[in-house]
Amino acid sequence: MSSVFCRYCYKDINKRDELVTATNYLRIRPYHYLCFGEVEQETIATVRSWKPMNGPMGNITFAILLIFVGVMALTDVFEEIGNLLGALALYPLILRILSFFMYELRVPVHKDGR
């Protein structure tokens, strides 16, 4: 497994619990959770802010958007506008899948011996 490095402190991320993958437009970046807090504090405008993709909220958003895309693709709820909305909802889903395969699979999950 190749290493994943934090884009803020450039140190190796050793545990998946430490990893936060964030997106800003088309960019996906890995951070330590503490470094991500620093990046958020340094951000001046909300438009340029990084949004976390993994964790419980990212997984819930992924599931909701997956259901939404399925409904829009398989039904005629909003007719042609529904197809457009479904296509637009694919963007965060594709980013989340890329994040999972590019970064999360490469960072090992350490189980504590408690």
N, C-alpha and C. Protein backbone atom coordinates (compact mmCIF):
# COMPACT_ATOMS: atom_id res chain seq x y z
N MET A 1 0.83 -1.19 0.00
CA MET A 1 0.00 0.00 0.00
C MET A 1 0.88 1.25 0.00
N SER A 2 0.59 2.16 -0.87
CA SER A 2 1.35 3.40 -0.88
C SER A 2 0.79 4.36 0.17
N SER A 3 1.60 5.28 0.57
CA SER A 3 1.23 6.19 1.65
C SER A 3 0.36 7.33 1.15
N VAL A 4 -0.42 7.86 2.07
CA VAL A 4 -1.23 9.05 1.82
C VAL A 4 -0.67 10.14 2.72
N PHE A 5 -0.36 11.29 2.13
CA PHE A 5 0.23 12.39 2.87
C PHE A 5 -0.76 13.54 3.01
N CYS A 6 -0.74 14.17 4.17
CA CYS A 6 -1.57 15.33 4.45
C CYS A 6 -1.12 16.49 3.57
N ARG A 7 -2.06 17.21 2.98
CA ARG A 7 -1.72 18.33 2.11
C ARG A 7 -1.40 19.60 2.88
N TYR A 8 -1.54 19.57 4.20
CA TYR A 8 -1.25 20.75 5.01
C TYR A 8 0.12 20.63 5.68
N CYS A 9 0.36 19.52 6.37
CA CYS A 9 1.63 19.35 7.09
C CYS A 9 2.59 18.41 6.36
N TYR A 10 2.16 17.75 5.30
CA TYR A 10 2.96 16.84 4.47
C TYR A 10 3.51 15.66 5.25
N LYS A 11 2.82 15.25 6.32
CA LYS A 11 3.19 14.05 7.06
C LYS A 11 2.30 12.90 6.63
N ASP A 12 2.78 11.70 6.89
CA ASP A 12 2.05 10.49 6.52
C ASP A 12 0.79 10.34 7.40
N ILE A 13 -0.30 9.93 6.79
CA ILE A 13 -1.53 9.64 7.53
C ILE A 13 -1.54 8.14 7.79
N ASN A 14 -1.48 7.75 9.07
CA ASN A 14 -1.30 6.35 9.43
C ASN A 14 -2.59 5.59 9.71
N LYS A 15 -3.63 6.27 10.15
CA LYS A 15 -4.89 5.62 10.49
C LYS A 15 -6.03 6.26 9.74
N ARG A 16 -7.03 5.45 9.43
CA ARG A 16 -8.18 5.99 8.72
C ARG A 16 -8.97 6.95 9.59
N ASP A 17 -8.87 6.80 10.92
CA ASP A 17 -9.55 7.73 11.82
C ASP A 17 -8.98 9.14 11.72
N GLU A 18 -7.72 9.27 11.33
CA GLU A 18 -7.07 10.58 11.19
C GLU A 18 -7.38 11.25 9.86
N LEU A 19 -7.87 10.48 8.89
CA LEU A 19 -8.05 10.98 7.52
C LEU A 19 -9.34 11.75 7.36
N VAL A 20 -9.22 12.94 6.78
CA VAL A 20 -10.38 13.72 6.32
C VAL A 20 -10.11 14.04 4.86
N THR A 21 -10.98 13.57 3.98
CA THR A 21 -10.86 13.95 2.58
C THR A 21 -11.83 15.10 2.35
N ALA A 22 -11.33 16.15 1.74
CA ALA A 22 -12.13 17.36 1.54
C ALA A 22 -12.15 17.72 0.06
N THR A 23 -13.20 18.40 -0.35
CA THR A 23 -13.33 18.82 -1.73
C THR A 23 -13.59 20.31 -1.82
N ASN A 24 -13.08 20.88 -2.90
CA ASN A 24 -13.33 22.26 -3.24
C ASN A 24 -13.37 22.30 -4.76
N TYR A 25 -14.57 22.41 -5.31
CA TYR A 25 -14.80 22.31 -6.75
C TYR A 25 -14.35 20.94 -7.23
N LEU A 26 -13.40 20.83 -8.12
CA LEU A 26 -13.00 19.53 -8.67
C LEU A 26 -11.81 18.91 -7.96
N ARG A 27 -11.32 19.54 -6.90
CA ARG A 27 -10.14 19.03 -6.21
C ARG A 27 -10.54 18.21 -4.99
N ILE A 28 -9.82 17.11 -4.79
CA ILE A 28 -10.00 16.28 -3.60
C ILE A 28 -8.64 16.24 -2.91
N ARG A 29 -8.62 16.54 -1.61
CA ARG A 29 -7.36 16.59 -0.87
C ARG A 29 -7.48 15.81 0.44
N PRO A 30 -6.43 15.05 0.81
CA PRO A 30 -6.42 14.37 2.11
C PRO A 30 -5.78 15.25 3.18
N TYR A 31 -6.34 15.23 4.38
CA TYR A 31 -5.81 15.98 5.52
C TYR A 31 -5.90 15.13 6.78
N HIS A 32 -5.04 15.44 7.76
CA HIS A 32 -5.27 14.96 9.12
C HIS A 32 -6.48 15.73 9.64
N TYR A 33 -7.20 15.16 10.59
CA TYR A 33 -8.38 15.87 11.08
C TYR A 33 -8.00 17.16 11.79
N LEU A 34 -6.84 17.21 12.45
CA LEU A 34 -6.40 18.45 13.09
C LEU A 34 -5.97 19.49 12.04
N CYS A 35 -5.29 19.03 11.01
CA CYS A 35 -4.86 19.94 9.94
C CYS A 35 -6.06 20.50 9.19
N PHE A 36 -7.11 19.69 9.03
CA PHE A 36 -8.30 20.18 8.36
C PHE A 36 -8.95 21.30 9.16
N GLY A 37 -8.90 21.20 10.47
CA GLY A 37 -9.41 22.29 11.31
C GLY A 37 -8.63 23.57 11.09
N GLU A 38 -7.31 23.45 10.93
CA GLU A 38 -6.48 24.63 10.64
C GLU A 38 -6.83 25.22 9.27
N VAL A 39 -7.04 24.36 8.28
CA VAL A 39 -7.40 24.83 6.94
C VAL A 39 -8.73 25.57 6.98
N GLU A 40 -9.69 25.05 7.74
CA GLU A 40 -10.99 25.72 7.86
C GLU A 40 -10.86 27.09 8.51
N GLN A 41 -9.99 27.21 9.52
CA GLN A 41 -9.82 28.50 10.19
C GLN A 41 -9.11 29.51 9.30
N GLU A 42 -8.24 29.04 8.40
CA GLU A 42 -7.51 29.95 7.51
C GLU A 42 -8.36 30.42 6.34
N THR A 43 -9.46 29.74 6.06
CA THR A 43 -10.31 30.09 4.93
C THR A 43 -11.04 31.39 5.21
N ILE A 44 -10.95 32.33 4.28
CA ILE A 44 -11.55 33.65 4.46
C ILE A 44 -13.01 33.65 4.01
N ALA A 45 -13.28 33.15 2.83
CA ALA A 45 -14.63 33.19 2.26
C ALA A 45 -15.23 31.79 2.25
N THR A 46 -16.54 31.71 2.42
CA THR A 46 -17.20 30.40 2.41
C THR A 46 -17.20 29.79 1.02
N VAL A 47 -17.07 30.59 -0.01
CA VAL A 47 -17.04 30.08 -1.37
C VAL A 47 -15.78 29.24 -1.59
N ARG A 48 -14.68 29.64 -0.98
CA ARG A 48 -13.42 28.94 -1.17
C ARG A 48 -13.17 27.88 -0.10
N SER A 49 -14.16 27.56 0.70
CA SER A 49 -13.96 26.62 1.80
C SER A 49 -13.91 25.18 1.30
N TRP A 50 -13.22 24.36 2.06
CA TRP A 50 -13.13 22.93 1.78
C TRP A 50 -14.24 22.23 2.54
N LYS A 51 -14.89 21.28 1.89
CA LYS A 51 -15.99 20.55 2.51
C LYS A 51 -15.56 19.10 2.73
N PRO A 52 -15.69 18.59 3.97
CA PRO A 52 -15.29 17.20 4.22
C PRO A 52 -16.22 16.23 3.50
N MET A 53 -15.64 15.13 3.01
CA MET A 53 -16.42 14.16 2.24
C MET A 53 -16.63 12.85 2.97
N ASN A 54 -15.70 12.47 3.84
CA ASN A 54 -15.86 11.19 4.52
C ASN A 54 -16.40 11.42 5.92
N GLY A 55 -16.64 10.34 6.62
CA GLY A 55 -17.25 10.45 7.94
C GLY A 55 -18.74 10.19 7.86
N PRO A 56 -19.42 10.26 8.99
CA PRO A 56 -20.85 9.94 9.00
C PRO A 56 -21.69 10.84 8.09
N MET A 57 -21.43 12.13 8.11
CA MET A 57 -22.23 13.05 7.30
C MET A 57 -22.00 12.81 5.81
N GLY A 58 -20.78 12.53 5.41
CA GLY A 58 -20.49 12.23 4.01
C GLY A 58 -21.19 10.96 3.55
N ASN A 59 -21.23 9.94 4.42
CA ASN A 59 -21.89 8.69 4.07
C ASN A 59 -23.41 8.86 3.98
N ILE A 60 -23.98 9.65 4.88
CA ILE A 60 -25.42 9.91 4.84
C ILE A 60 -25.78 10.69 3.58
N THR A 61 -24.99 11.70 3.26
CA THR A 61 -25.22 12.47 2.04
C THR A 61 -25.11 11.59 0.80
N PHE A 62 -24.12 10.69 0.79
CA PHE A 62 -23.94 9.77 -0.33
C PHE A 62 -25.18 8.90 -0.51
N ALA A 63 -25.70 8.35 0.59
CA ALA A 63 -26.87 7.48 0.50
C ALA A 63 -28.10 8.24 0.02
N ILE A 64 -28.31 9.44 0.54
CA ILE A 64 -29.47 10.24 0.13
C ILE A 64 -29.38 10.61 -1.35
N LEU A 65 -28.21 11.03 -1.80
CA LEU A 65 -28.05 11.40 -3.21
C LEU A 65 -28.16 10.18 -4.12
N LEU A 66 -27.70 9.03 -3.66
CA LEU A 66 -27.83 7.81 -4.45
C LEU A 66 -29.30 7.45 -4.65
N ILE A 67 -30.10 7.56 -3.60
CA ILE A 67 -31.54 7.32 -3.71
C ILE A 67 -32.18 8.36 -4.63
N PHE A 68 -31.79 9.62 -4.49
CA PHE A 68 -32.34 10.69 -5.32
C PHE A 68 -32.03 10.46 -6.80
N VAL A 69 -30.78 10.09 -7.11
CA VAL A 69 -30.40 9.83 -8.50
C VAL A 69 -31.19 8.64 -9.04
N GLY A 70 -31.36 7.61 -8.22
CA GLY A 70 -32.14 6.45 -8.66
C GLY A 70 -33.58 6.80 -8.97
N VAL A 71 -34.19 7.59 -8.10
CA VAL A 71 -35.58 8.01 -8.32
C VAL A 71 -35.69 8.87 -9.57
N MET A 72 -34.77 9.79 -9.75
CA MET A 72 -34.82 10.66 -10.92
C MET A 72 -34.57 9.88 -12.22
N ALA A 73 -33.72 8.85 -12.16
CA ALA A 73 -33.41 8.09 -13.36
C ALA A 73 -34.52 7.11 -13.73
N LEU A 74 -35.19 6.56 -12.72
CA LEU A 74 -36.15 5.49 -12.99
C LEU A 74 -37.60 5.94 -13.06
N THR A 75 -37.89 7.18 -12.70
CA THR A 75 -39.27 7.66 -12.73
C THR A 75 -39.36 8.96 -13.53
N ASP A 76 -40.58 9.39 -13.76
CA ASP A 76 -40.82 10.66 -14.45
C ASP A 76 -41.41 11.67 -13.47
N VAL A 77 -40.81 11.81 -12.31
CA VAL A 77 -41.34 12.69 -11.28
C VAL A 77 -41.36 14.14 -11.77
N PHE A 78 -40.25 14.61 -12.25
CA PHE A 78 -40.16 16.00 -12.73
C PHE A 78 -39.92 16.06 -14.23
N GLU A 79 -40.20 14.97 -14.93
CA GLU A 79 -40.01 14.84 -16.37
C GLU A 79 -38.58 15.16 -16.78
N GLU A 80 -38.37 16.06 -17.73
CA GLU A 80 -37.02 16.35 -18.23
C GLU A 80 -36.15 17.06 -17.20
N ILE A 81 -36.74 17.87 -16.36
CA ILE A 81 -35.98 18.55 -15.31
C ILE A 81 -35.43 17.53 -14.32
N GLY A 82 -36.18 16.46 -14.08
CA GLY A 82 -35.72 15.40 -13.18
C GLY A 82 -34.47 14.73 -13.69
N ASN A 83 -34.39 14.54 -15.00
CA ASN A 83 -33.17 13.97 -15.58
C ASN A 83 -31.97 14.88 -15.37
N LEU A 84 -32.18 16.17 -15.53
CA LEU A 84 -31.11 17.14 -15.31
C LEU A 84 -30.69 17.16 -13.84
N LEU A 85 -31.67 17.16 -12.93
CA LEU A 85 -31.36 17.15 -11.50
C LEU A 85 -30.60 15.89 -11.11
N GLY A 86 -31.01 14.76 -11.66
CA GLY A 86 -30.30 13.50 -11.38
C GLY A 86 -28.87 13.53 -11.88
N ALA A 87 -28.67 14.10 -13.06
CA ALA A 87 -27.31 14.21 -13.60
C ALA A 87 -26.45 15.14 -12.76
N LEU A 88 -27.02 16.24 -12.28
CA LEU A 88 -26.27 17.15 -11.42
C LEU A 88 -25.95 16.52 -10.07
N ALA A 89 -26.82 15.67 -9.57
CA ALA A 89 -26.59 15.01 -8.29
C ALA A 89 -25.51 13.94 -8.39
N LEU A 90 -25.15 13.54 -9.59
CA LEU A 90 -24.07 12.57 -9.76
C LEU A 90 -22.71 13.15 -9.41
N TYR A 91 -22.54 14.45 -9.51
CA TYR A 91 -21.24 15.09 -9.25
C TYR A 91 -20.70 14.78 -7.86
N PRO A 92 -21.45 15.03 -6.77
CA PRO A 92 -20.89 14.70 -5.45
C PRO A 92 -20.72 13.19 -5.24
N LEU A 93 -21.55 12.38 -5.89
CA LEU A 93 -21.40 10.94 -5.77
C LEU A 93 -20.09 10.47 -6.39
N ILE A 94 -19.79 10.99 -7.56
CA ILE A 94 -18.54 10.61 -8.23
C ILE A 94 -17.34 11.08 -7.43
N LEU A 95 -17.40 12.28 -6.86
CA LEU A 95 -16.30 12.76 -6.02
C LEU A 95 -16.10 11.87 -4.80
N ARG A 96 -17.19 11.43 -4.18
CA ARG A 96 -17.10 10.57 -2.99
C ARG A 96 -16.50 9.21 -3.35
N ILE A 97 -16.89 8.65 -4.49
CA ILE A 97 -16.33 7.37 -4.92
C ILE A 97 -14.85 7.52 -5.24
N LEU A 98 -14.48 8.59 -5.92
CA LEU A 98 -13.06 8.85 -6.20
C LEU A 98 -12.26 9.00 -4.91
N SER A 99 -12.80 9.71 -3.96
CA SER A 99 -12.14 9.90 -2.67
C SER A 99 -11.91 8.57 -1.98
N PHE A 100 -12.91 7.71 -2.02
CA PHE A 100 -12.79 6.41 -1.37
C PHE A 100 -11.68 5.58 -2.01
N PHE A 101 -11.65 5.50 -3.34
CA PHE A 101 -10.66 4.67 -4.00
C PHE A 101 -9.27 5.31 -4.02
N MET A 102 -9.19 6.63 -4.09
CA MET A 102 -7.88 7.28 -4.16
C MET A 102 -7.18 7.37 -2.82
N TYR A 103 -7.93 7.58 -1.74
CA TYR A 103 -7.30 7.85 -0.45
C TYR A 103 -7.70 6.86 0.65
N GLU A 104 -8.97 6.62 0.83
CA GLU A 104 -9.41 5.85 1.99
C GLU A 104 -8.98 4.39 1.93
N LEU A 105 -8.96 3.78 0.77
CA LEU A 105 -8.52 2.40 0.68
C LEU A 105 -7.02 2.26 0.92
N ARG A 106 -6.26 3.29 0.69
CA ARG A 106 -4.81 3.24 0.86
C ARG A 106 -4.37 3.46 2.31
N VAL A 107 -5.26 3.94 3.16
CA VAL A 107 -4.93 4.17 4.57
C VAL A 107 -5.47 2.99 5.38
N PRO A 108 -4.61 2.31 6.16
CA PRO A 108 -5.08 1.14 6.90
C PRO A 108 -6.00 1.51 8.06
N VAL A 109 -6.89 0.58 8.38
CA VAL A 109 -7.78 0.73 9.53
C VAL A 109 -7.11 0.04 10.70
N HIS A 110 -6.79 0.79 11.75
CA HIS A 110 -6.17 0.22 12.94
C HIS A 110 -7.24 0.00 13.99
N LYS A 111 -7.32 -1.23 14.46
CA LYS A 111 -8.25 -1.56 15.54
C LYS A 111 -7.51 -1.41 16.86
N ASP A 112 -8.12 -0.72 17.81
CA ASP A 112 -7.52 -0.60 19.14
C ASP A 112 -7.76 -1.89 19.91
N GLY A 113 -6.79 -2.26 20.70
CA GLY A 113 -6.88 -3.50 21.47
C GLY A 113 -7.58 -3.32 22.80
N ARG A 114 -8.60 -2.51 22.86
CA ARG A 114 -9.31 -2.29 24.13
C ARG A 114 -10.31 -3.37 24.40
